[in-house]
Protein backbone atom coordinates (compact mmCIF):
# COMPACT_ATOMS: atom_id res chain seq x y z
CA MET A 1 0.00 0.00 0.00
CA ALA A 2 2.72 2.46 0.93
CA ARG A 3 4.62 1.81 -2.32
CA PHE A 4 1.44 2.19 -4.37
CA PHE A 5 0.58 5.45 -2.68
CA ALA A 6 4.11 6.75 -3.10
CA HIS A 7 3.94 5.95 -6.81
CA LYS A 8 0.69 7.87 -7.16
CA ILE A 9 2.13 10.87 -5.36
CA PHE A 10 5.15 10.80 -7.66
CA GLN A 11 2.88 10.88 -10.69
CA THR A 12 0.77 13.77 -9.42
CA GLY A 13 3.20 15.53 -7.09
CA ILE A 14 3.47 18.83 -8.98
CA LEU A 15 -0.28 19.28 -9.32
CA VAL A 16 -0.98 18.33 -5.71
CA ALA A 17 1.74 20.61 -4.38
CA ALA A 18 0.38 23.49 -6.44
CA ALA A 19 -3.13 22.92 -5.14
CA LEU A 20 -1.97 22.87 -1.54
CA VAL A 21 0.03 26.08 -2.01
CA LEU A 22 -2.93 27.83 -3.59
CA PHE A 23 -5.67 26.61 -1.29
CA GLY A 24 -3.89 25.20 1.75
CA CYS A 25 -6.62 22.73 2.73
CA GLN A 26 -6.96 18.96 2.86
CA SER A 27 -10.18 18.87 0.83
CA VAL A 28 -8.31 20.21 -2.20
CA TYR A 29 -5.66 17.55 -1.69
CA TYR A 30 -8.23 14.73 -1.45
CA ASN A 31 -10.14 15.96 -4.51
CA THR A 32 -6.94 16.24 -6.53
CA MET A 33 -5.80 12.76 -5.56
CA GLU A 34 -9.21 11.28 -6.43
CA LYS A 35 -8.94 12.70 -9.93
CA PHE A 36 -5.86 10.54 -10.34
CA GLY A 37 -7.47 7.42 -8.94
CA VAL A 38 -6.34 7.59 -5.31
CA GLN A 39 -9.36 7.29 -3.04
CA LYS A 40 -9.74 8.48 0.55
CA HIS A 41 -9.68 4.95 1.93
CA GLU A 42 -6.25 4.43 0.30
CA ILE A 43 -4.99 7.68 1.82
CA LEU A 44 -6.40 6.65 5.20
CA ALA A 45 -4.69 3.25 5.05
CA ASP A 46 -1.40 4.91 4.14
CA ARG A 47 -1.68 7.43 6.98
CA VAL A 48 -2.53 4.71 9.47
CA GLU A 49 0.64 2.93 8.34
CA ASP A 50 2.61 6.14 8.89
CA ALA A 51 1.12 6.61 12.36
CA ARG A 52 1.83 2.99 13.24
CA ASP A 53 5.45 3.32 12.10
CA GLU A 54 5.86 6.56 14.05
CA GLN A 55 4.56 4.88 17.19
CA GLU A 56 7.05 2.06 16.66
CA LYS A 57 9.86 4.61 16.41
CA THR A 58 8.57 6.36 19.53
CA LYS A 59 8.46 3.12 21.49
CA GLU A 60 12.07 2.38 20.52
CA GLN A 61 13.19 5.93 21.33
CA PHE A 62 11.72 5.87 24.83
CA GLN A 63 13.26 2.46 25.45
CA THR A 64 16.63 3.91 24.46
CA ALA A 65 16.10 6.95 26.67
CA LEU A 66 15.32 4.68 29.62
CA GLU A 67 18.54 2.77 28.98
CA ARG A 68 20.51 6.02 28.99
CA PHE A 69 18.81 7.16 32.21
CA THR A 70 19.60 3.83 33.84
CA GLU A 71 23.25 4.21 32.83
CA VAL A 72 23.37 7.67 34.40
CA VAL A 73 21.78 6.45 37.63
CA ASN A 74 24.28 3.58 37.77
CA PHE A 75 27.16 5.98 37.10
CA ASP A 76 30.45 4.56 38.37
CA GLY A 77 33.02 6.84 36.86
CA GLY A 78 33.71 9.08 33.91
CA VAL A 79 32.72 12.61 33.01
CA LEU A 80 29.36 13.63 34.43
CA GLU A 81 28.92 16.40 31.85
CA GLU A 82 29.07 13.79 29.09
CA LYS A 83 26.38 11.72 30.80
CA TYR A 84 24.18 14.78 31.04
CA GLU A 85 24.67 15.62 27.36
CA ILE A 86 23.74 12.08 26.34
CA LEU A 87 20.60 12.08 28.48
CA ASN A 88 19.60 15.55 27.30
CA ALA A 89 19.98 14.47 23.65
CA GLU A 90 17.75 11.46 24.27
CA PHE A 91 15.15 13.67 25.95
CA GLN A 92 15.09 15.99 22.95
CA ARG A 93 14.64 13.02 20.61
CA CYS A 94 11.73 11.87 22.77
CA GLU A 95 10.12 15.31 22.51
CA LYS A 96 10.53 15.22 18.74
CA GLN A 97 8.92 11.80 18.50
CA ALA A 98 6.01 12.89 20.69
CA LYS A 99 5.28 15.76 18.30
CA ALA A 100 5.59 13.44 15.30
CA VAL A 101 3.10 10.97 16.77
CA ASN A 102 0.61 13.77 17.46
CA LYS A 103 0.92 15.01 13.87
CA ARG A 104 0.47 11.54 12.39
CA ILE A 105 -2.64 10.80 14.46
CA GLY A 106 -4.10 14.16 13.48
CA ALA A 107 -3.55 13.30 9.82
CA VAL A 108 -5.37 9.99 10.31
CA GLU A 109 -8.31 11.74 11.95
CA ASP A 110 -8.51 14.35 9.19
CA VAL A 111 -8.84 11.91 6.31
CA GLY A 112 -10.91 9.50 8.41
CA GLU A 113 -13.62 12.05 9.05
CA ALA A 114 -13.60 13.09 5.38
CA LEU A 115 -13.95 9.47 4.28
CA PHE A 116 -16.86 8.63 6.57
CA LYS A 117 -18.67 11.86 5.74
CA GLU A 118 -18.42 11.06 2.04
CA TRP A 119 -19.41 7.42 2.56
CA GLU A 120 -22.49 8.45 4.56
CA ALA A 121 -23.55 10.95 1.90
CA GLU A 122 -23.17 8.40 -0.89
CA LEU A 123 -25.64 5.99 0.72
CA SER A 124 -28.54 8.10 -0.57
CA GLN A 125 -27.34 7.59 -4.14
CA TYR A 126 -28.14 3.87 -4.17
CA SER A 127 -31.24 2.76 -6.05
CA ASN A 128 -30.74 -0.85 -4.95
CA VAL A 129 -31.99 -1.16 -1.37
CA GLN A 130 -30.03 -4.32 -0.65
CA LEU A 131 -26.76 -2.82 -1.82
CA ARG A 132 -27.41 0.32 0.21
CA ARG A 133 -28.02 -1.73 3.36
CA SER A 134 -24.88 -3.75 2.74
CA SER A 135 -22.81 -0.58 2.30
CA GLN A 136 -24.40 0.98 5.37
CA GLN A 137 -23.54 -2.07 7.46
CA LYS A 138 -19.97 -2.06 6.19
CA LEU A 139 -19.76 1.66 6.99
CA ALA A 140 -20.94 1.06 10.56
CA GLU A 141 -18.46 -1.78 11.06
CA THR A 142 -15.55 0.17 9.59
CA ARG A 143 -16.42 3.28 11.59
CA LEU A 144 -16.52 1.26 14.80
CA GLU A 145 -13.08 -0.22 14.15
CA TYR A 146 -11.75 3.20 13.13
CA ASP A 147 -13.01 4.77 16.38
CA GLN A 148 -11.35 2.00 18.36
CA LEU A 149 -8.11 2.62 16.50
CA VAL A 150 -8.10 6.36 17.16
CA ARG A 151 -8.93 5.84 20.83
CA SER A 152 -6.07 3.35 21.12
CA MET A 153 -3.64 5.74 19.42
CA ARG A 154 -4.70 8.66 21.58
CA ARG A 155 -4.55 6.53 24.73
CA ALA A 156 -0.98 5.57 23.89
CA GLU A 157 -0.14 9.20 23.15
CA ASP A 158 -1.51 10.23 26.56
CA LYS A 159 1.04 7.97 28.21
CA ILE A 160 3.89 9.92 26.62
CA ASP A 161 3.49 13.08 28.71
CA PRO A 162 4.18 11.53 32.14
CA VAL A 163 7.37 9.93 30.80
CA LEU A 164 8.48 13.14 29.10
CA SER A 165 7.86 15.09 32.30
CA ALA A 166 9.89 12.64 34.33
CA PHE A 167 12.77 12.70 31.85
CA GLN A 168 12.70 16.49 31.74
CA ASP A 169 12.90 16.65 35.53
CA GLN A 170 15.93 14.37 35.58
CA VAL A 171 17.67 16.29 32.79
CA LEU A 172 17.09 19.65 34.48
CA PHE A 173 18.23 18.31 37.82
CA LEU A 174 21.43 16.90 36.37
CA LYS A 175 22.14 20.11 34.48
CA HIS A 176 22.54 22.02 37.73
CA ASN A 177 23.79 19.18 39.95
CA LEU A 178 26.62 17.41 38.17
CA ASN A 179 28.00 15.47 41.09
CA ALA A 180 27.92 11.94 42.48
CA SER A 181 25.44 12.73 45.27
CA ALA A 182 22.98 14.15 42.77
CA ILE A 183 23.24 10.99 40.68
CA ALA A 184 22.58 8.89 43.76
CA SER A 185 19.46 10.90 44.58
CA LEU A 186 17.98 9.91 41.22
CA GLN A 187 18.09 6.22 42.11
CA SER A 188 14.65 6.38 43.75
CA GLU A 189 13.17 7.82 40.55
CA LEU A 190 14.36 4.98 38.35
CA ALA A 191 11.62 2.55 39.34
CA VAL A 192 8.92 5.15 38.65
CA VAL A 193 10.35 5.96 35.24
CA GLU A 194 10.67 2.26 34.40
CA THR A 195 7.01 1.73 35.28
CA ASP A 196 5.88 4.69 33.20
CA VAL A 197 7.92 3.59 30.19
CA ALA A 198 6.61 0.03 30.49
CA THR A 199 3.03 1.35 30.50
CA LEU A 200 3.76 3.55 27.49
CA ILE A 201 5.26 0.64 25.56
CA ARG A 202 2.25 -1.59 26.29
CA GLU A 203 -0.14 1.08 25.03
CA MET A 204 2.00 1.71 21.97
CA GLU A 205 2.08 -1.98 21.12
CA ALA A 206 -1.70 -2.20 21.54
CA ALA A 207 -2.18 0.78 19.20
CA ILE A 208 0.22 -0.74 16.66
CA ALA A 209 -1.79 -3.98 16.71
CA GLU A 210 -5.03 -2.01 16.25
CA ALA A 211 -3.47 -0.22 13.27
CA ASP A 212 -2.44 -3.49 11.63
CA GLY A 213 -5.97 -4.82 11.99
CA PHE A 214 -7.58 -1.65 10.68
CA ILE A 215 -5.34 -1.54 7.59
CA LYS A 216 -6.70 -4.97 6.61
CA THR A 217 -10.27 -3.83 7.27
CA ILE A 218 -10.11 -0.62 5.26
CA ALA A 219 -8.45 -2.41 2.36
CA ALA A 220 -11.54 -4.63 2.02
CA ALA A 221 -14.13 -2.00 2.96
CA LYS A 222 -14.69 -0.18 -0.33
């Protein structure tokens, strides 16, 4: 799906880019893509893939940050300033990933709402009652799974903030307390951070699984 979508974008990239520059709205983008055979459900599937991949990256980044924090807490020699710089760099990467996840989920929601609005409106165009009922049922089922997916993604995203806050506290503390006693005082925080990261990872993995399931559903929906 991702390769197909990328190919379509390559074919129509100049026209799409021009439309976005001129009008700056997603509806223009969707309409332009549809003219070249790329439907909203294909865009939605591609964006869900992007969001899923971003969550996977985020999970890995926070795991790495936890490893760096653990190394700092278990500091047994070396240059403390270097440990701080490493931890601070990991914190900044975590912040960047948090913003990327938020953006990807927002993109999913944008095209998702456009798709279901269009689908609902098109039901009235059926002359065959049986086909209309079948499409309406498929719409309801797909919408239900979509809502579950978004809730799962947002729930995982909500778990990011507590971890970010904890990492930020540790980074700020180390910045102004680069000594062995300060490192020792962070030992009690390690268990809390580990718990928060573990919770975040579980939610991320659940959202990733939801995304995989939804991609299969939307591919067969329309």
